[in-house]
Amino acid sequence: MKPTSTFKLNLHEALKKAQTRQAINQIGKTAVALLDEHKTLEIDFENIVLTPSIADGVIGALAQSLGLPAFNERIKMKNLSDNQKLLLKHVIIRRLG
């Protein structure tokens, strides 16, 4: 059976206990696993100070796991500043390049 629902990931809440790169990477792995059960993943960046480590560990992992077409189809991001969008674009290009 194909997943049909959207899972809403509040990144601010998820990162509260993530003090290390390893913990951030685990959030990325969890996000990838959520796509086995949900058609889309909506990631809320509200109140996030987006660092390269967070961008790579979460978004980079998703992009690498899914590939660009599926990433664009299944991952929705909200509450991103223009600077955050640029950082994410850079991370995705590096992961997929």
N, C-alpha and C. Protein backbone atom coordinates (compact mmCIF):
# COMPACT_ATOMS: atom_id res chain seq x y z
N MET A 1 0.84 -1.18 0.00
CA MET A 1 0.00 0.00 0.00
C MET A 1 0.89 1.25 0.00
N LYS A 2 0.58 2.18 -0.87
CA LYS A 2 1.35 3.41 -0.96
C LYS A 2 0.93 4.38 0.15
N PRO A 3 1.90 5.08 0.73
CA PRO A 3 1.56 6.08 1.74
C PRO A 3 0.80 7.24 1.11
N THR A 4 -0.12 7.83 1.86
CA THR A 4 -0.93 8.92 1.32
C THR A 4 -0.91 10.18 2.19
N SER A 5 -0.42 10.10 3.38
CA SER A 5 -0.51 11.23 4.30
C SER A 5 0.73 12.12 4.26
N THR A 6 0.60 13.26 4.90
CA THR A 6 1.72 14.18 5.07
C THR A 6 2.11 14.19 6.54
N PHE A 7 3.39 14.03 6.81
CA PHE A 7 3.90 14.14 8.17
C PHE A 7 4.50 15.53 8.33
N LYS A 8 4.11 16.22 9.39
CA LYS A 8 4.62 17.57 9.65
C LYS A 8 5.71 17.49 10.70
N LEU A 9 6.92 17.85 10.28
CA LEU A 9 8.09 17.80 11.15
C LEU A 9 8.44 19.22 11.60
N ASN A 10 8.30 19.47 12.89
CA ASN A 10 8.71 20.75 13.46
C ASN A 10 10.19 20.62 13.79
N LEU A 11 11.02 21.18 12.94
CA LEU A 11 12.46 21.02 13.09
C LEU A 11 12.97 21.63 14.39
N HIS A 12 12.37 22.72 14.81
CA HIS A 12 12.77 23.36 16.07
C HIS A 12 12.62 22.37 17.23
N GLU A 13 11.50 21.69 17.29
CA GLU A 13 11.26 20.70 18.35
C GLU A 13 12.23 19.53 18.23
N ALA A 14 12.42 19.06 17.02
CA ALA A 14 13.29 17.91 16.79
C ALA A 14 14.73 18.20 17.19
N LEU A 15 15.15 19.45 17.01
CA LEU A 15 16.55 19.81 17.28
C LEU A 15 16.82 20.20 18.73
N LYS A 16 15.80 20.29 19.56
CA LYS A 16 16.00 20.74 20.94
C LYS A 16 17.04 19.91 21.69
N LYS A 17 17.07 18.62 21.45
CA LYS A 17 18.00 17.74 22.16
C LYS A 17 19.21 17.35 21.32
N ALA A 18 19.26 17.83 20.10
CA ALA A 18 20.35 17.45 19.19
C ALA A 18 21.53 18.39 19.38
N GLN A 19 22.47 17.99 20.20
CA GLN A 19 23.62 18.82 20.51
C GLN A 19 24.87 18.46 19.71
N THR A 20 24.80 17.35 18.99
CA THR A 20 25.98 16.89 18.25
C THR A 20 25.62 16.66 16.78
N ARG A 21 26.64 16.58 15.95
CA ARG A 21 26.43 16.27 14.54
C ARG A 21 25.77 14.89 14.40
N GLN A 22 26.16 13.96 15.24
CA GLN A 22 25.59 12.62 15.21
C GLN A 22 24.08 12.66 15.49
N ALA A 23 23.66 13.47 16.44
CA ALA A 23 22.24 13.60 16.76
C ALA A 23 21.47 14.26 15.62
N ILE A 24 22.09 15.23 14.97
CA ILE A 24 21.47 15.88 13.81
C ILE A 24 21.32 14.86 12.67
N ASN A 25 22.35 14.07 12.44
CA ASN A 25 22.29 13.04 11.41
C ASN A 25 21.18 12.03 11.69
N GLN A 26 20.94 11.75 12.96
CA GLN A 26 19.87 10.82 13.33
C GLN A 26 18.51 11.40 12.97
N ILE A 27 18.34 12.70 13.09
CA ILE A 27 17.09 13.35 12.68
C ILE A 27 16.91 13.16 11.18
N GLY A 28 17.99 13.30 10.42
CA GLY A 28 17.93 13.06 8.98
C GLY A 28 17.51 11.64 8.66
N LYS A 29 18.07 10.67 9.36
CA LYS A 29 17.71 9.26 9.14
C LYS A 29 16.25 9.00 9.49
N THR A 30 15.80 9.63 10.56
CA THR A 30 14.39 9.48 10.96
C THR A 30 13.48 10.09 9.91
N ALA A 31 13.87 11.24 9.37
CA ALA A 31 13.07 11.89 8.32
C ALA A 31 12.97 11.00 7.09
N VAL A 32 14.07 10.38 6.70
CA VAL A 32 14.06 9.46 5.56
C VAL A 32 13.12 8.29 5.85
N ALA A 33 13.18 7.74 7.05
CA ALA A 33 12.33 6.60 7.43
C ALA A 33 10.85 6.98 7.44
N LEU A 34 10.54 8.21 7.79
CA LEU A 34 9.14 8.66 7.81
C LEU A 34 8.50 8.56 6.43
N LEU A 35 9.32 8.66 5.39
CA LEU A 35 8.78 8.62 4.03
C LEU A 35 8.36 7.21 3.62
N ASP A 36 8.67 6.20 4.42
CA ASP A 36 8.14 4.87 4.18
C ASP A 36 6.65 4.82 4.55
N GLU A 37 6.26 5.69 5.48
CA GLU A 37 4.89 5.68 5.99
C GLU A 37 4.05 6.84 5.50
N HIS A 38 4.70 7.88 4.96
CA HIS A 38 3.99 9.09 4.56
C HIS A 38 4.39 9.49 3.15
N LYS A 39 3.42 9.99 2.40
CA LYS A 39 3.70 10.40 1.01
C LYS A 39 4.60 11.62 0.97
N THR A 40 4.32 12.58 1.85
CA THR A 40 5.12 13.81 1.88
C THR A 40 5.55 14.12 3.31
N LEU A 41 6.60 14.90 3.36
CA LEU A 41 7.14 15.37 4.63
C LEU A 41 7.19 16.89 4.56
N GLU A 42 6.48 17.54 5.46
CA GLU A 42 6.48 19.00 5.52
C GLU A 42 7.38 19.41 6.69
N ILE A 43 8.45 20.12 6.37
CA ILE A 43 9.42 20.51 7.38
C ILE A 43 9.26 21.99 7.67
N ASP A 44 9.02 22.30 8.93
CA ASP A 44 8.82 23.68 9.37
C ASP A 44 10.13 24.20 9.95
N PHE A 45 10.64 25.28 9.36
CA PHE A 45 11.90 25.87 9.79
C PHE A 45 11.71 27.08 10.71
N GLU A 46 10.53 27.27 11.22
CA GLU A 46 10.27 28.41 12.11
C GLU A 46 11.18 28.33 13.34
N ASN A 47 11.77 29.46 13.69
CA ASN A 47 12.66 29.60 14.86
C ASN A 47 13.93 28.77 14.76
N ILE A 48 14.37 28.48 13.54
CA ILE A 48 15.59 27.69 13.34
C ILE A 48 16.73 28.60 12.92
N VAL A 49 17.85 28.48 13.61
CA VAL A 49 19.10 29.07 13.14
C VAL A 49 19.74 27.95 12.32
N LEU A 50 19.62 28.07 11.01
CA LEU A 50 20.04 26.99 10.13
C LEU A 50 21.55 27.04 9.92
N THR A 51 22.23 26.03 10.42
CA THR A 51 23.67 25.91 10.24
C THR A 51 23.94 24.94 9.09
N PRO A 52 25.15 24.98 8.53
CA PRO A 52 25.49 23.99 7.51
C PRO A 52 25.34 22.55 8.00
N SER A 53 25.65 22.30 9.26
CA SER A 53 25.53 20.94 9.81
C SER A 53 24.08 20.48 9.82
N ILE A 54 23.17 21.34 10.22
CA ILE A 54 21.75 20.99 10.23
C ILE A 54 21.25 20.81 8.80
N ALA A 55 21.61 21.74 7.94
CA ALA A 55 21.17 21.66 6.54
C ALA A 55 21.63 20.35 5.90
N ASP A 56 22.88 20.00 6.10
CA ASP A 56 23.42 18.79 5.50
C ASP A 56 22.87 17.53 6.17
N GLY A 57 22.84 17.53 7.48
CA GLY A 57 22.42 16.34 8.21
C GLY A 57 20.97 15.96 8.00
N VAL A 58 20.11 16.95 7.77
CA VAL A 58 18.69 16.68 7.60
C VAL A 58 18.30 16.75 6.11
N ILE A 59 18.45 17.92 5.53
CA ILE A 59 18.00 18.13 4.15
C ILE A 59 18.92 17.42 3.16
N GLY A 60 20.22 17.50 3.39
CA GLY A 60 21.16 16.80 2.51
C GLY A 60 20.92 15.30 2.50
N ALA A 61 20.64 14.74 3.67
CA ALA A 61 20.37 13.31 3.77
C ALA A 61 19.10 12.94 3.00
N LEU A 62 18.08 13.76 3.11
CA LEU A 62 16.84 13.51 2.38
C LEU A 62 17.07 13.58 0.87
N ALA A 63 17.78 14.61 0.43
CA ALA A 63 18.03 14.78 -1.00
C ALA A 63 18.84 13.61 -1.55
N GLN A 64 19.85 13.20 -0.82
CA GLN A 64 20.69 12.09 -1.27
C GLN A 64 19.90 10.78 -1.30
N SER A 65 19.07 10.57 -0.32
CA SER A 65 18.30 9.33 -0.25
C SER A 65 17.23 9.26 -1.35
N LEU A 66 16.58 10.39 -1.62
CA LEU A 66 15.46 10.40 -2.55
C LEU A 66 15.84 10.67 -3.99
N GLY A 67 16.90 11.45 -4.19
CA GLY A 67 17.18 11.97 -5.53
C GLY A 67 16.36 13.24 -5.73
N LEU A 68 16.81 14.09 -6.62
CA LEU A 68 16.19 15.41 -6.77
C LEU A 68 14.72 15.37 -7.19
N PRO A 69 14.31 14.57 -8.19
CA PRO A 69 12.89 14.59 -8.57
C PRO A 69 11.96 14.19 -7.42
N ALA A 70 12.29 13.11 -6.72
CA ALA A 70 11.44 12.67 -5.61
C ALA A 70 11.52 13.65 -4.44
N PHE A 71 12.70 14.22 -4.20
CA PHE A 71 12.85 15.22 -3.14
C PHE A 71 11.90 16.39 -3.40
N ASN A 72 11.92 16.90 -4.63
CA ASN A 72 11.07 18.05 -4.96
C ASN A 72 9.58 17.71 -4.87
N GLU A 73 9.26 16.47 -5.12
CA GLU A 73 7.86 16.04 -5.06
C GLU A 73 7.39 15.76 -3.64
N ARG A 74 8.24 15.19 -2.83
CA ARG A 74 7.80 14.67 -1.52
C ARG A 74 8.18 15.52 -0.32
N ILE A 75 9.11 16.45 -0.48
CA ILE A 75 9.55 17.28 0.65
C ILE A 75 9.03 18.70 0.47
N LYS A 76 8.31 19.18 1.45
CA LYS A 76 7.79 20.54 1.46
C LYS A 76 8.45 21.27 2.63
N MET A 77 8.89 22.48 2.38
CA MET A 77 9.56 23.24 3.43
C MET A 77 8.85 24.58 3.59
N LYS A 78 8.67 24.98 4.85
CA LYS A 78 8.01 26.27 5.09
C LYS A 78 8.78 27.07 6.13
N ASN A 79 8.50 28.36 6.12
CA ASN A 79 9.13 29.32 7.03
C ASN A 79 10.64 29.41 6.82
N LEU A 80 11.05 29.46 5.56
CA LEU A 80 12.46 29.61 5.20
C LEU A 80 12.74 31.04 4.76
N SER A 81 13.84 31.59 5.25
CA SER A 81 14.29 32.90 4.77
C SER A 81 15.02 32.70 3.44
N ASP A 82 15.26 33.78 2.73
CA ASP A 82 16.01 33.70 1.48
C ASP A 82 17.42 33.14 1.71
N ASN A 83 18.06 33.55 2.81
CA ASN A 83 19.40 33.04 3.12
C ASN A 83 19.38 31.54 3.42
N GLN A 84 18.36 31.09 4.11
CA GLN A 84 18.23 29.66 4.39
C GLN A 84 18.01 28.88 3.10
N LYS A 85 17.21 29.42 2.20
CA LYS A 85 16.99 28.75 0.91
C LYS A 85 18.30 28.61 0.14
N LEU A 86 19.12 29.64 0.17
CA LEU A 86 20.42 29.58 -0.52
C LEU A 86 21.31 28.50 0.08
N LEU A 87 21.35 28.43 1.40
CA LEU A 87 22.16 27.41 2.07
C LEU A 87 21.66 26.01 1.70
N LEU A 88 20.36 25.81 1.72
CA LEU A 88 19.82 24.50 1.39
C LEU A 88 20.11 24.13 -0.06
N LYS A 89 20.00 25.09 -0.96
CA LYS A 89 20.32 24.83 -2.36
C LYS A 89 21.77 24.38 -2.50
N HIS A 90 22.67 25.08 -1.81
CA HIS A 90 24.09 24.73 -1.83
C HIS A 90 24.32 23.31 -1.31
N VAL A 91 23.70 22.98 -0.20
CA VAL A 91 23.86 21.65 0.41
C VAL A 91 23.34 20.57 -0.53
N ILE A 92 22.19 20.79 -1.12
CA ILE A 92 21.60 19.79 -2.02
C ILE A 92 22.49 19.58 -3.24
N ILE A 93 22.98 20.66 -3.81
CA ILE A 93 23.87 20.55 -4.98
C ILE A 93 25.13 19.77 -4.62
N ARG A 94 25.72 20.05 -3.47
CA ARG A 94 26.92 19.32 -3.04
C ARG A 94 26.64 17.85 -2.82
N ARG A 95 25.51 17.53 -2.19
CA ARG A 95 25.18 16.13 -1.91
C ARG A 95 24.90 15.36 -3.19
N LEU A 96 24.27 16.02 -4.15
CA LEU A 96 23.87 15.32 -5.37
C LEU A 96 24.87 15.47 -6.50
N GLY A 97 25.84 16.37 -6.30
CA GLY A 97 26.82 16.64 -7.37
C GLY A 97 27.86 15.65 -7.41
